[in-house]
C-alpha atoms as a PDB file:
ATOM      1  CA  MET A   1      -1.390 -32.088  17.930  1.00  0.00           C
ATOM      2  CA  LYS A   2      -0.108 -30.662  21.713  1.00  0.00           C
ATOM      3  CA  ILE A   3       3.266 -30.711  22.952  1.00  0.00           C
ATOM      4  CA  PRO A   4       3.577 -30.125  26.438  1.00  0.00           C
ATOM      5  CA  HIS A   5       5.975 -27.551  28.078  1.00  0.00           C
ATOM      6  CA  ARG A   6       5.960 -25.888  24.220  1.00  0.00           C
ATOM      7  CA  LYS A   7       6.393 -22.221  25.610  1.00  0.00           C
ATOM      8  CA  GLU A   8       9.574 -23.124  27.671  1.00  0.00           C
ATOM      9  CA  TYR A   9      11.407 -25.175  24.660  1.00  0.00           C
ATOM     10  CA  GLU A  10      10.516 -22.511  22.685  1.00  0.00           C
ATOM     11  CA  GLU A  11      12.074 -19.871  24.363  1.00  0.00           C
ATOM     12  CA  PHE A  12      15.503 -22.200  25.155  1.00  0.00           C
ATOM     13  CA  TYR A  13      15.434 -22.660  21.266  1.00  0.00           C
ATOM     14  CA  ARG A  14      15.710 -19.052  20.352  1.00  0.00           C
ATOM     15  CA  THR A  15      18.259 -17.842  22.939  1.00  0.00           C
ATOM     16  CA  CYS A  16      20.241 -21.115  21.903  1.00  0.00           C
ATOM     17  CA  TRP A  17      19.652 -19.861  18.247  1.00  0.00           C
ATOM     18  CA  GLU A  18      20.920 -16.511  19.127  1.00  0.00           C
ATOM     19  CA  LYS A  19      24.367 -17.604  20.803  1.00  0.00           C
ATOM     20  CA  GLN A  20      24.591 -19.777  17.769  1.00  0.00           C
ATOM     21  CA  VAL A  21      24.565 -17.135  15.367  1.00  0.00           C
ATOM     22  CA  LYS A  22      26.994 -14.544  17.611  1.00  0.00           C
ATOM     23  CA  GLN A  23      29.200 -17.773  17.477  1.00  0.00           C
ATOM     24  CA  ASP A  24      29.037 -17.612  13.929  1.00  0.00           C
ATOM     25  CA  LYS A  25      29.558 -14.035  12.802  1.00  0.00           C
ATOM     26  CA  LYS A  26      32.584 -14.073  15.177  1.00  0.00           C
ATOM     27  CA  GLU A  27      34.214 -16.857  13.479  1.00  0.00           C
ATOM     28  CA  ASN A  28      33.111 -15.839  10.038  1.00  0.00           C
ATOM     29  CA  PRO A  29      32.163 -11.927   9.832  1.00  0.00           C
ATOM     30  CA  ARG A  30      31.240 -12.337   5.852  1.00  0.00           C
ATOM     31  CA  LEU A  31      28.438 -14.959   7.055  1.00  0.00           C
ATOM     32  CA  VAL A  32      24.768 -13.668   5.564  1.00  0.00           C
ATOM     33  CA  TYR A  33      21.847 -14.742   6.953  1.00  0.00           C
ATOM     34  CA  ASN A  34      19.225 -14.280   3.952  1.00  0.00           C
ATOM     35  CA  THR A  35      15.780 -15.095   6.289  1.00  0.00           C
ATOM     36  CA  ARG A  36      13.608 -12.907   7.830  1.00  0.00           C
ATOM     37  CA  TYR A  37      14.339 -13.600  11.134  1.00  0.00           C
ATOM     38  CA  ILE A  38      17.667 -12.238  11.918  1.00  0.00           C
ATOM     39  CA  ASN A  39      18.082  -8.952  12.157  1.00  0.00           C
ATOM     40  CA  ASN A  40      20.493  -8.387   9.084  1.00  0.00           C
ATOM     41  CA  SER A  41      21.223  -4.782   8.696  1.00  0.00           C
ATOM     42  CA  ALA A  42      23.858  -4.929   6.354  1.00  0.00           C
ATOM     43  CA  HIS A  43      21.181  -5.113   3.276  1.00  0.00           C
ATOM     44  CA  ARG A  44      19.196  -1.663   4.154  1.00  0.00           C
ATOM     45  CA  LYS A  45      21.311   0.439   2.646  1.00  0.00           C
ATOM     46  CA  ASN A  46      21.952  -0.534  -0.884  1.00  0.00           C
ATOM     47  CA  GLY A  47      19.128  -2.541  -0.895  1.00  0.00           C
ATOM     48  CA  PHE A  48      18.005  -6.033   0.283  1.00  0.00           C
ATOM     49  CA  LYS A  49      20.919  -7.974  -1.523  1.00  0.00           C
ATOM     50  CA  GLY A  50      22.926  -5.747  -2.377  1.00  0.00           C
ATOM     51  CA  GLY A  51      23.505  -3.521  -5.419  1.00  0.00           C
ATOM     52  CA  ARG A  52      24.076  -0.103  -6.507  1.00  0.00           C
ATOM     53  CA  PRO A  53      24.255   2.301  -4.062  1.00  0.00           C
ATOM     54  CA  ARG A  54      21.386   5.368  -4.228  1.00  0.00           C
ATOM     55  CA  LYS A  55      22.275   8.242  -5.162  1.00  0.00           C
ATOM     56  CA  GLU A  56      21.158  11.512  -3.294  1.00  0.00           C
ATOM     57  CA  GLU A  57      20.610  14.037  -5.825  1.00  0.00           C
ATOM     58  CA  ASN A  58      20.938  13.192  -9.989  1.00  0.00           C
ATOM     59  CA  LYS A  59      24.367  15.468 -10.038  1.00  0.00           C
ATOM     60  CA  LEU A  60      23.815  15.015 -14.387  1.00  0.00           C
ATOM     61  CA  GLY A  61      24.029  18.243 -16.055  1.00  0.00           C
ATOM     62  CA  LEU A  62      21.036  19.096 -18.434  1.00  0.00           C
ATOM     63  CA  THR A  63      21.503  18.977 -22.107  1.00  0.00           C
ATOM     64  CA  LYS A  64      19.523  21.975 -24.097  1.00  0.00           C
ATOM     65  CA  ASP A  65      16.907  19.484 -25.062  1.00  0.00           C
ATOM     66  CA  ALA A  66      16.947  18.353 -21.599  1.00  0.00           C
ATOM     67  CA  GLU A  67      16.489  22.170 -20.186  1.00  0.00           C
ATOM     68  CA  MET A  68      13.738  22.929 -22.724  1.00  0.00           C
ATOM     69  CA  LEU A  69      11.941  20.146 -21.235  1.00  0.00           C
ATOM     70  CA  ASN A  70      12.896  20.855 -17.894  1.00  0.00           C
ATOM     71  CA  ARG A  71      10.549  24.174 -17.960  1.00  0.00           C
ATOM     72  CA  MET A  72       8.055  23.258 -19.886  1.00  0.00           C
ATOM     73  CA  LEU A  73       7.337  20.220 -17.145  1.00  0.00           C
ATOM     74  CA  GLN A  74       7.886  23.373 -14.412  1.00  0.00           C
ATOM     75  CA  ARG A  75       5.115  25.264 -16.119  1.00  0.00           C
ATOM     76  CA  GLY A  76       2.781  22.802 -15.416  1.00  0.00           C
ATOM     77  CA  MET A  77       2.969  20.705 -18.971  1.00  0.00           C
ATOM     78  CA  THR A  78       2.669  16.980 -19.618  1.00  0.00           C
ATOM     79  CA  VAL A  79       4.822  15.059 -20.551  1.00  0.00           C
ATOM     80  CA  THR A  80       3.525  14.360 -23.934  1.00  0.00           C
ATOM     81  CA  ASP A  81       2.475  17.907 -24.974  1.00  0.00           C
ATOM     82  CA  ALA A  82       6.125  19.196 -24.360  1.00  0.00           C
ATOM     83  CA  ALA A  83       7.110  16.192 -26.447  1.00  0.00           C
ATOM     84  CA  GLN A  84       4.751  17.517 -29.221  1.00  0.00           C
ATOM     85  CA  ILE A  85       5.798  20.659 -28.683  1.00  0.00           C
ATOM     86  CA  MET A  86       9.537  20.243 -29.083  1.00  0.00           C
ATOM     87  CA  GLY A  87       9.305  17.918 -32.325  1.00  0.00           C
ATOM     88  CA  ILE A  88      10.305  14.694 -30.250  1.00  0.00           C
ATOM     89  CA  SER A  89       8.986  11.196 -29.411  1.00  0.00           C
ATOM     90  CA  ARG A  90       6.634  10.854 -26.196  1.00  0.00           C
ATOM     91  CA  LYS A  91       9.073   8.243 -24.725  1.00  0.00           C
ATOM     92  CA  TRP A  92      11.951  10.285 -25.721  1.00  0.00           C
ATOM     93  CA  ALA A  93      10.866  12.494 -23.563  1.00  0.00           C
ATOM     94  CA  SER A  94       9.552  10.175 -20.943  1.00  0.00           C
ATOM     95  CA  MET A  95      12.762   8.364 -20.391  1.00  0.00           C
ATOM     96  CA  THR A  96      14.657  11.977 -20.103  1.00  0.00           C
ATOM     97  CA  LYS A  97      12.131  13.012 -17.539  1.00  0.00           C
ATOM     98  CA  LYS A  98      13.253   9.736 -15.454  1.00  0.00           C
ATOM     99  CA  LYS A  99      17.529  10.303 -16.072  1.00  0.00           C
ATOM    100  CA  TYR A 100      17.419  13.460 -15.324  1.00  0.00           C
ATOM    101  CA  GLY A 101      14.610  13.921 -12.454  1.00  0.00           C
ATOM    102  CA  LEU A 102      12.786  16.012 -14.079  1.00  0.00           C
ATOM    103  CA  PRO A 103      11.537  18.625 -13.291  1.00  0.00           C
ATOM    104  CA  ARG A 104      13.979  19.713 -11.104  1.00  0.00           C
END
């Protein structure tokens, strides 16, 4: 189905849509558009629909076990090997690695 002068109407519709968006934002600044067609830059900082702010760096202090694991990982050992040497489970070692952002 072909519509005559379709491109003209598309441009007109777009300009009207943008005017309406600006008017809506002025009337209600808390109004959030969840469409991909509108530039909504507020979501980029903390995730698409909000969420916790991202940490710039991991500021947690290391425990003794985490320090030891960190040294082993810095020397090129795998998490599995380090866990066997330390006498802990591989899962605990991988969770510690993720929690503290090892190796630092």
